[in-house]
Amino acid sequence: MASTTNRVDGTATTGTVTTQVTAKGRTIIDDTVVAKVAGIAARDVPGVYALGGNASRAFGAIRDAIGSSALGQGVRVEVGETQVAVDLTIVVDYPTPMMDVATAVRAAVTTAVTELVGLEVTEVNIAINDVNIPALNGTVDDVDVRDGRVR
């Protein structure tokens, strides 16, 4: 998903982005805040089970157990002066149509970042890296499915 060219206006910064400069001062929003806004918006979409790859979800479970959470898990942002590009890795609930989930996530992230942060979203790239298959007694994560059978 990563691109070798800049996907946003101006020079992408590391750590912070200035979103507003007025006679009374400037407003600086950290890149991690933009990632969290995108992550929260994506998680709220029906059919999204989790964000991030297997390793980041495992670390997320450890963080959750000690009372800390990473709302930007599975989210990467490239922020410019007035624009942002977002890359998301998600896990989708089975049997939710994956393209429908991706379309809804893209719309939710674009709306949230535009309205809450004030940046124009140039693109939202989504990688679906897993599917969550509900079992009879709860939820099973990382299930091996071959030939239509759950193992």
Protein backbone atom coordinates (compact mmCIF):
# COMPACT_ATOMS: atom_id res chain seq x y z
CA MET A 1 0.00 0.00 0.00
CA ALA A 2 2.87 2.38 0.63
CA SER A 3 3.66 4.71 -2.19
CA THR A 4 7.03 6.08 -3.20
CA THR A 5 5.56 9.46 -4.16
CA ASN A 6 3.99 12.00 -1.88
CA ARG A 7 0.22 11.42 -1.83
CA VAL A 8 -0.66 14.74 -0.17
CA ASP A 9 -0.02 18.44 -0.69
CA GLY A 10 3.16 20.08 0.50
CA THR A 11 5.77 18.11 2.34
CA ALA A 12 4.57 15.27 4.51
CA THR A 13 5.66 15.89 8.05
CA THR A 14 6.62 13.50 10.78
CA GLY A 15 4.95 13.94 14.14
CA THR A 16 2.74 16.98 13.67
CA VAL A 17 0.76 18.95 11.14
CA THR A 18 -0.24 22.59 11.38
CA THR A 19 -3.89 22.82 10.42
CA GLN A 20 -4.65 26.45 11.19
CA VAL A 21 -2.67 29.64 11.58
CA THR A 22 -4.46 32.82 12.66
CA ALA A 23 -3.46 36.20 14.06
CA LYS A 24 -4.14 34.76 17.53
CA GLY A 25 -2.02 31.64 17.13
CA ARG A 26 -1.75 28.29 15.40
CA THR A 27 -3.36 24.92 15.92
CA ILE A 28 -1.18 21.82 15.66
CA ILE A 29 -2.67 18.35 15.54
CA ASP A 30 -0.35 15.37 15.96
CA ASP A 31 -0.35 12.68 13.24
CA THR A 32 -1.27 10.07 15.84
CA VAL A 33 -4.48 11.99 16.53
CA VAL A 34 -5.38 11.85 12.83
CA ALA A 35 -4.70 8.09 12.87
CA LYS A 36 -6.88 7.64 15.96
CA VAL A 37 -9.78 9.56 14.39
CA ALA A 38 -9.52 7.33 11.30
CA GLY A 39 -9.28 4.19 13.44
CA ILE A 40 -12.31 5.07 15.55
CA ALA A 41 -14.36 5.84 12.44
CA ALA A 42 -13.35 2.53 10.82
CA ARG A 43 -14.14 0.49 13.95
CA ASP A 44 -17.64 1.96 14.08
CA VAL A 45 -18.55 0.52 10.67
CA PRO A 46 -20.74 -2.61 10.87
CA GLY A 47 -18.82 -5.64 9.60
CA VAL A 48 -15.41 -4.45 10.84
CA TYR A 49 -14.24 -6.93 13.45
CA ALA A 50 -10.80 -5.42 14.16
CA LEU A 51 -8.03 -3.25 12.77
CA GLY A 52 -4.45 -4.33 12.19
CA GLY A 53 -2.57 -7.46 11.26
CA ASN A 54 -2.17 -10.52 13.45
CA ALA A 55 0.89 -9.19 15.29
CA SER A 56 -0.58 -5.75 15.98
CA ARG A 57 -3.84 -7.33 17.18
CA ALA A 58 -1.85 -9.57 19.55
CA PHE A 59 -0.04 -6.54 20.98
CA GLY A 60 -3.39 -4.75 21.13
CA ALA A 61 -4.83 -7.55 23.24
CA ILE A 62 -1.92 -7.17 25.67
CA ARG A 63 -2.43 -3.38 25.78
CA ASP A 64 -6.16 -3.87 26.41
CA ALA A 65 -5.39 -6.29 29.26
CA ILE A 66 -3.31 -3.65 31.05
CA GLY A 67 -5.87 -0.90 30.45
CA SER A 68 -4.27 0.88 27.52
CA SER A 69 -5.58 0.81 23.98
CA ALA A 70 -4.15 1.81 20.63
CA LEU A 71 -6.98 3.39 18.68
CA GLY A 72 -4.63 4.00 15.77
CA GLN A 73 -3.72 0.30 15.48
CA GLY A 74 -3.83 -0.83 11.86
CA VAL A 75 -3.85 2.78 10.61
CA ARG A 76 -1.09 4.64 8.82
CA VAL A 77 -1.47 8.26 7.77
CA GLU A 78 0.55 10.51 5.50
CA VAL A 79 -0.24 14.09 6.43
CA GLY A 80 0.50 17.20 4.37
CA GLU A 81 -0.34 20.84 4.98
CA THR A 82 -4.06 20.53 4.20
CA GLN A 83 -4.45 16.92 3.01
CA VAL A 84 -4.11 13.41 4.37
CA ALA A 85 -3.85 9.91 2.86
CA VAL A 86 -4.93 6.98 5.03
CA ASP A 87 -3.95 3.29 4.86
CA LEU A 88 -6.01 0.82 6.91
CA THR A 89 -5.65 -2.89 7.60
CA ILE A 90 -8.92 -4.47 8.71
CA VAL A 91 -10.50 -7.79 9.66
CA VAL A 92 -14.06 -8.29 8.38
CA ASP A 93 -16.84 -10.31 10.03
CA TYR A 94 -18.00 -13.31 8.02
CA PRO A 95 -20.31 -13.32 5.99
CA THR A 96 -20.41 -9.53 5.54
CA PRO A 97 -19.75 -8.50 1.90
CA MET A 98 -16.17 -7.25 2.00
CA MET A 99 -16.46 -4.66 -0.78
CA ASP A 100 -19.47 -3.14 1.01
CA VAL A 101 -17.49 -2.93 4.25
CA ALA A 102 -14.54 -1.32 2.44
CA THR A 103 -16.83 1.26 0.81
CA ALA A 104 -18.47 2.09 4.16
CA VAL A 105 -15.10 2.33 5.93
CA ARG A 106 -13.76 4.65 3.23
CA ALA A 107 -16.80 6.95 3.58
CA ALA A 108 -16.72 6.93 7.40
CA VAL A 109 -12.99 7.69 7.58
CA THR A 110 -13.25 10.46 4.99
CA THR A 111 -16.17 12.10 6.81
CA ALA A 112 -14.56 11.84 10.28
CA VAL A 113 -11.15 13.17 9.26
CA THR A 114 -12.65 15.99 7.18
CA GLU A 115 -15.15 17.09 9.85
CA LEU A 116 -13.11 16.51 13.03
CA VAL A 117 -9.57 17.31 11.88
CA GLY A 118 -10.29 19.69 9.01
CA LEU A 119 -8.06 18.00 6.46
CA GLU A 120 -9.00 16.96 2.92
CA VAL A 121 -8.72 13.19 2.50
CA THR A 122 -7.00 12.36 -0.80
CA GLU A 123 -7.29 8.59 -0.50
CA VAL A 124 -8.24 5.80 1.88
CA ASN A 125 -6.55 2.51 1.02
CA ILE A 126 -7.95 -0.59 2.70
CA ALA A 127 -6.28 -3.98 3.07
CA ILE A 128 -8.51 -6.79 4.32
CA ASN A 129 -6.07 -9.27 5.81
CA ASP A 130 -8.39 -11.65 7.67
CA VAL A 131 -11.98 -12.69 8.23
CA ASN A 132 -13.56 -13.30 11.63
CA ILE A 133 -15.76 -16.40 11.69
CA PRO A 134 -18.23 -16.52 14.58
CA ALA A 135 -18.35 -19.91 16.30
CA LEU A 136 -21.21 -21.42 18.26
CA ASN A 137 -19.74 -20.39 21.62
CA GLY A 138 -18.34 -16.94 20.94
CA THR A 139 -15.88 -15.66 18.39
CA VAL A 140 -12.97 -17.53 16.88
CA ASP A 141 -10.10 -15.47 15.52
CA ASP A 142 -7.57 -16.69 12.95
CA VAL A 143 -9.48 -19.82 11.97
CA ASP A 144 -8.19 -22.04 9.18
CA VAL A 145 -10.91 -22.36 6.51
CA ARG A 146 -10.35 -24.76 3.58
CA ASP A 147 -12.87 -26.43 1.31
CA GLY A 148 -15.69 -24.57 3.07
CA ARG A 149 -14.96 -26.28 6.41
CA VAL A 150 -13.76 -24.63 9.61
CA ARG A 151 -10.82 -26.43 11.23
